[in-house]
Amino acid sequence: MTGMVASPGFATVVAMWWVMMVAMMIPAAAPTILLYARVHRHSNGPESAPPTTAFLIGYLACWLGFALIAAGLQSWLVSPMTMTVASRHAAAGLLIAAGLYQLTPFKDGCLSRCRSPAAFLSRHYEPGPSGAFRLGMLHGAYCVGCCWLLMALLFVGGVMNLIWVAGLTFLVAAEKLLPGGLWLARVAGIAMIVWGAVLIFR
């Protein structure tokens, strides 16, 4: 494991996952980041520059942790030729696991916090760059908790499949930003379970 982590190939895969996570998650996280900047200016005066960069670094640090895990799993699970899991049953298992997770209270709890930037900031706001960093990490942790198994579905559709990436990005944004996002998450979960079952019994 140590040799794998130290190899340039592994570092490249980590960077690829991290960049992909940033591109997929920032649109859904933007309302919280912008609201944080507004709250900071309101609390500290219009001339006070908000430490938004520290908030963003904390948020992205959580997704870097996910990227490290995903890169390790990719070397173990994914076919280099197709960039997907080699087994149909493994793909079905991931779909069913992601679908079941969509229906859990933990998913609901993380998603509810991601969907309510004002409530999140009023409860956890801390001033200053260090407070912004901790707040960004906390928001990132909720975001990872909400979406980690959805991101694992990249192993099913193809890690470099842009259509699959776009579809998951749209689903994540819709869950977090649309009025019926909580119900959409559940409907998507049921669809994933059905899809996985079809793959098993096809």
Protein backbone atom coordinates (compact mmCIF):
# COMPACT_ATOMS: atom_id res chain seq x y z
CA MET A 1 0.00 0.00 0.00
CA THR A 2 2.86 2.40 0.86
CA GLY A 3 4.48 1.88 -2.53
CA MET A 4 1.20 2.45 -4.30
CA VAL A 5 0.54 5.72 -2.47
CA ALA A 6 4.05 6.98 -3.23
CA SER A 7 3.88 6.19 -6.94
CA PRO A 8 3.29 9.05 -9.42
CA GLY A 9 0.45 7.09 -10.99
CA PHE A 10 -1.50 7.07 -7.77
CA ALA A 11 -0.93 10.80 -7.26
CA THR A 12 -2.26 11.47 -10.75
CA VAL A 13 -5.39 9.42 -10.08
CA VAL A 14 -5.96 11.26 -6.78
CA ALA A 15 -5.61 14.61 -8.56
CA MET A 16 -8.06 13.46 -11.25
CA TRP A 17 -10.65 12.45 -8.65
CA TRP A 18 -10.18 15.65 -6.67
CA VAL A 19 -10.58 17.90 -9.72
CA MET A 20 -13.63 15.91 -10.76
CA MET A 21 -15.19 16.22 -7.29
CA VAL A 22 -14.54 19.97 -7.25
CA ALA A 23 -16.21 20.39 -10.65
CA MET A 24 -19.20 18.26 -9.62
CA MET A 25 -19.75 19.68 -6.12
CA ILE A 26 -19.03 23.40 -6.32
CA PRO A 27 -22.28 24.24 -8.17
CA ALA A 28 -24.35 22.69 -5.36
CA ALA A 29 -22.14 24.19 -2.63
CA ALA A 30 -22.11 27.71 -4.12
CA PRO A 31 -25.22 28.97 -2.24
CA THR A 32 -23.62 28.15 1.14
CA ILE A 33 -20.28 29.70 0.16
CA LEU A 34 -21.92 32.91 -1.09
CA LEU A 35 -24.20 33.13 1.94
CA TYR A 36 -21.19 32.70 4.23
CA ALA A 37 -19.51 35.70 2.57
CA ARG A 38 -22.68 37.76 3.04
CA VAL A 39 -23.08 36.76 6.69
CA HIS A 40 -19.44 37.59 7.39
CA ARG A 41 -19.77 41.06 5.88
CA HIS A 42 -22.99 41.67 7.82
CA SER A 43 -21.34 40.61 11.11
CA ASN A 44 -18.01 42.37 10.59
CA GLY A 45 -18.89 45.41 8.49
CA PRO A 46 -19.01 46.01 4.74
CA GLU A 47 -15.26 46.75 4.59
CA SER A 48 -14.32 43.38 6.07
CA ALA A 49 -13.17 40.91 3.42
CA PRO A 50 -14.74 37.52 4.14
CA PRO A 51 -12.28 34.60 4.56
CA THR A 52 -14.14 32.71 1.86
CA THR A 53 -10.90 31.13 0.64
CA ALA A 54 -10.38 29.50 4.03
CA PHE A 55 -13.96 28.19 3.96
CA LEU A 56 -13.42 26.79 0.47
CA ILE A 57 -10.10 25.16 1.42
CA GLY A 58 -11.77 23.44 4.36
CA TYR A 59 -14.59 22.25 2.12
CA LEU A 60 -12.22 20.93 -0.54
CA ALA A 61 -10.03 19.19 2.06
CA CYS A 62 -12.92 16.82 2.78
CA TRP A 63 -13.23 15.94 -0.88
CA LEU A 64 -9.46 15.40 -1.06
CA GLY A 65 -9.91 12.72 1.59
CA PHE A 66 -12.62 11.13 -0.56
CA ALA A 67 -10.36 11.36 -3.63
CA LEU A 68 -7.62 9.43 -1.82
CA ILE A 69 -10.03 6.63 -0.96
CA ALA A 70 -11.60 6.59 -4.44
CA ALA A 71 -8.19 6.44 -6.12
CA GLY A 72 -7.22 3.45 -3.98
CA LEU A 73 -10.48 1.68 -4.80
CA GLN A 74 -10.05 2.43 -8.49
CA SER A 75 -6.76 0.52 -8.61
CA TRP A 76 -8.48 -2.44 -6.97
CA LEU A 77 -11.96 -2.50 -8.54
CA VAL A 78 -11.82 -0.84 -11.95
CA SER A 79 -10.82 -2.36 -15.28
CA PRO A 80 -8.15 -0.15 -16.93
CA MET A 81 -9.74 -0.85 -20.32
CA THR A 82 -13.32 0.26 -19.54
CA MET A 83 -12.74 2.41 -16.43
CA THR A 84 -15.70 0.60 -14.83
CA VAL A 85 -16.02 -2.31 -12.42
CA ALA A 86 -15.33 -5.48 -14.36
CA SER A 87 -18.19 -7.54 -12.91
CA ARG A 88 -21.86 -6.94 -13.71
CA HIS A 89 -22.73 -8.19 -10.23
CA ALA A 90 -20.31 -5.68 -8.67
CA ALA A 91 -21.99 -2.90 -10.64
CA ALA A 92 -25.39 -4.16 -9.49
CA GLY A 93 -24.19 -4.27 -5.89
CA LEU A 94 -22.98 -0.66 -6.06
CA LEU A 95 -26.27 0.49 -7.56
CA ILE A 96 -28.32 -1.29 -4.90
CA ALA A 97 -26.05 -0.04 -2.09
CA ALA A 98 -26.30 3.54 -3.37
CA GLY A 99 -30.07 3.19 -3.73
CA LEU A 100 -30.52 1.86 -0.21
CA TYR A 101 -28.29 4.62 1.16
CA GLN A 102 -30.52 7.21 -0.54
CA LEU A 103 -33.37 6.01 1.73
CA THR A 104 -31.48 6.14 5.05
CA PRO A 105 -31.93 8.74 7.83
CA PHE A 106 -28.20 9.52 7.61
CA LYS A 107 -28.57 10.55 3.97
CA ASP A 108 -31.64 12.63 4.88
CA GLY A 109 -29.77 14.32 7.72
CA CYS A 110 -26.73 15.24 5.61
CA LEU A 111 -28.87 16.35 2.68
CA SER A 112 -31.10 18.50 4.90
CA ARG A 113 -28.06 20.40 6.17
CA CYS A 114 -26.76 20.88 2.64
CA ARG A 115 -30.20 22.16 1.57
CA SER A 116 -30.44 24.72 4.40
CA PRO A 117 -27.41 27.05 4.20
CA ALA A 118 -28.98 29.68 6.47
CA ALA A 119 -29.77 27.19 9.24
CA PHE A 120 -26.32 25.60 8.90
CA LEU A 121 -24.49 28.93 9.16
CA SER A 122 -26.65 30.28 12.00
CA ARG A 123 -25.88 27.16 14.02
CA HIS A 124 -22.17 26.73 13.26
CA TYR A 125 -20.84 30.16 12.22
CA GLU A 126 -17.37 31.05 13.54
CA PRO A 127 -15.51 34.29 12.75
CA GLY A 128 -12.04 34.58 11.30
CA PRO A 129 -10.02 32.43 8.88
CA SER A 130 -9.64 29.50 11.28
CA GLY A 131 -13.36 29.53 11.99
CA ALA A 132 -14.05 29.69 8.25
CA PHE A 133 -11.77 26.72 7.65
CA ARG A 134 -13.49 24.63 10.33
CA LEU A 135 -16.89 25.66 9.01
CA GLY A 136 -15.85 24.69 5.48
CA MET A 137 -14.65 21.31 6.70
CA LEU A 138 -17.92 20.71 8.52
CA HIS A 139 -19.95 21.62 5.46
CA GLY A 140 -17.68 19.42 3.36
CA ALA A 141 -18.20 16.52 5.76
CA TYR A 142 -21.97 16.82 5.41
CA CYS A 143 -21.57 17.03 1.63
CA VAL A 144 -19.40 13.91 1.50
CA GLY A 145 -21.85 12.14 3.80
CA CYS A 146 -24.65 13.07 1.44
CA CYS A 147 -22.99 12.13 -1.85
CA TRP A 148 -20.18 9.60 -1.36
CA LEU A 149 -22.09 6.59 -2.66
CA LEU A 150 -23.46 8.61 -5.58
CA MET A 151 -19.87 9.41 -6.49
CA ALA A 152 -18.98 5.72 -6.19
CA LEU A 153 -21.41 5.13 -9.05
CA LEU A 154 -18.71 6.54 -11.32
CA PHE A 155 -17.26 3.04 -11.05
CA VAL A 156 -20.47 1.77 -12.67
CA GLY A 157 -20.93 4.26 -15.51
CA GLY A 158 -17.26 4.97 -16.15
CA VAL A 159 -14.83 7.16 -14.24
CA MET A 160 -14.10 9.22 -17.37
CA ASN A 161 -17.59 9.00 -18.89
CA LEU A 162 -18.58 12.66 -19.27
CA ILE A 163 -22.28 11.89 -19.76
CA TRP A 164 -22.32 9.87 -16.54
CA VAL A 165 -20.40 12.63 -14.72
CA ALA A 166 -22.88 15.23 -15.97
CA GLY A 167 -25.84 13.10 -14.91
CA LEU A 168 -24.53 12.62 -11.39
CA THR A 169 -23.67 16.34 -11.16
CA PHE A 170 -27.24 17.20 -12.14
CA LEU A 171 -28.68 14.73 -9.60
CA VAL A 172 -26.52 16.12 -6.77
CA ALA A 173 -27.45 19.72 -7.64
CA ALA A 174 -31.14 18.86 -7.97
CA GLU A 175 -31.19 17.08 -4.59
CA LYS A 176 -29.61 20.09 -2.89
CA LEU A 177 -31.19 23.00 -4.73
CA LEU A 178 -34.66 22.06 -5.98
CA PRO A 179 -37.73 22.37 -3.71
CA GLY A 180 -38.48 18.63 -3.90
CA GLY A 181 -34.88 17.54 -3.50
CA LEU A 182 -35.50 15.23 -0.54
CA TRP A 183 -38.17 13.33 -2.45
CA LEU A 184 -36.04 13.31 -5.58
CA ALA A 185 -33.27 11.61 -3.60
CA ARG A 186 -35.66 8.87 -2.52
CA VAL A 187 -37.08 8.36 -6.01
CA ALA A 188 -33.55 8.16 -7.40
CA GLY A 189 -32.69 5.63 -4.70
CA ILE A 190 -35.61 3.39 -5.64
CA ALA A 191 -34.62 3.64 -9.31
CA MET A 192 -31.05 2.59 -8.47
CA ILE A 193 -32.28 -0.44 -6.51
CA VAL A 194 -34.50 -1.51 -9.42
CA TRP A 195 -31.68 -0.97 -11.90
CA GLY A 196 -29.30 -3.05 -9.78
CA ALA A 197 -31.87 -5.85 -9.47
CA VAL A 198 -32.35 -5.89 -13.23
CA LEU A 199 -28.59 -6.25 -13.74
CA ILE A 200 -28.49 -9.21 -11.35
CA PHE A 201 -31.38 -11.14 -12.85
CA ARG A 202 -30.96 -10.15 -16.50
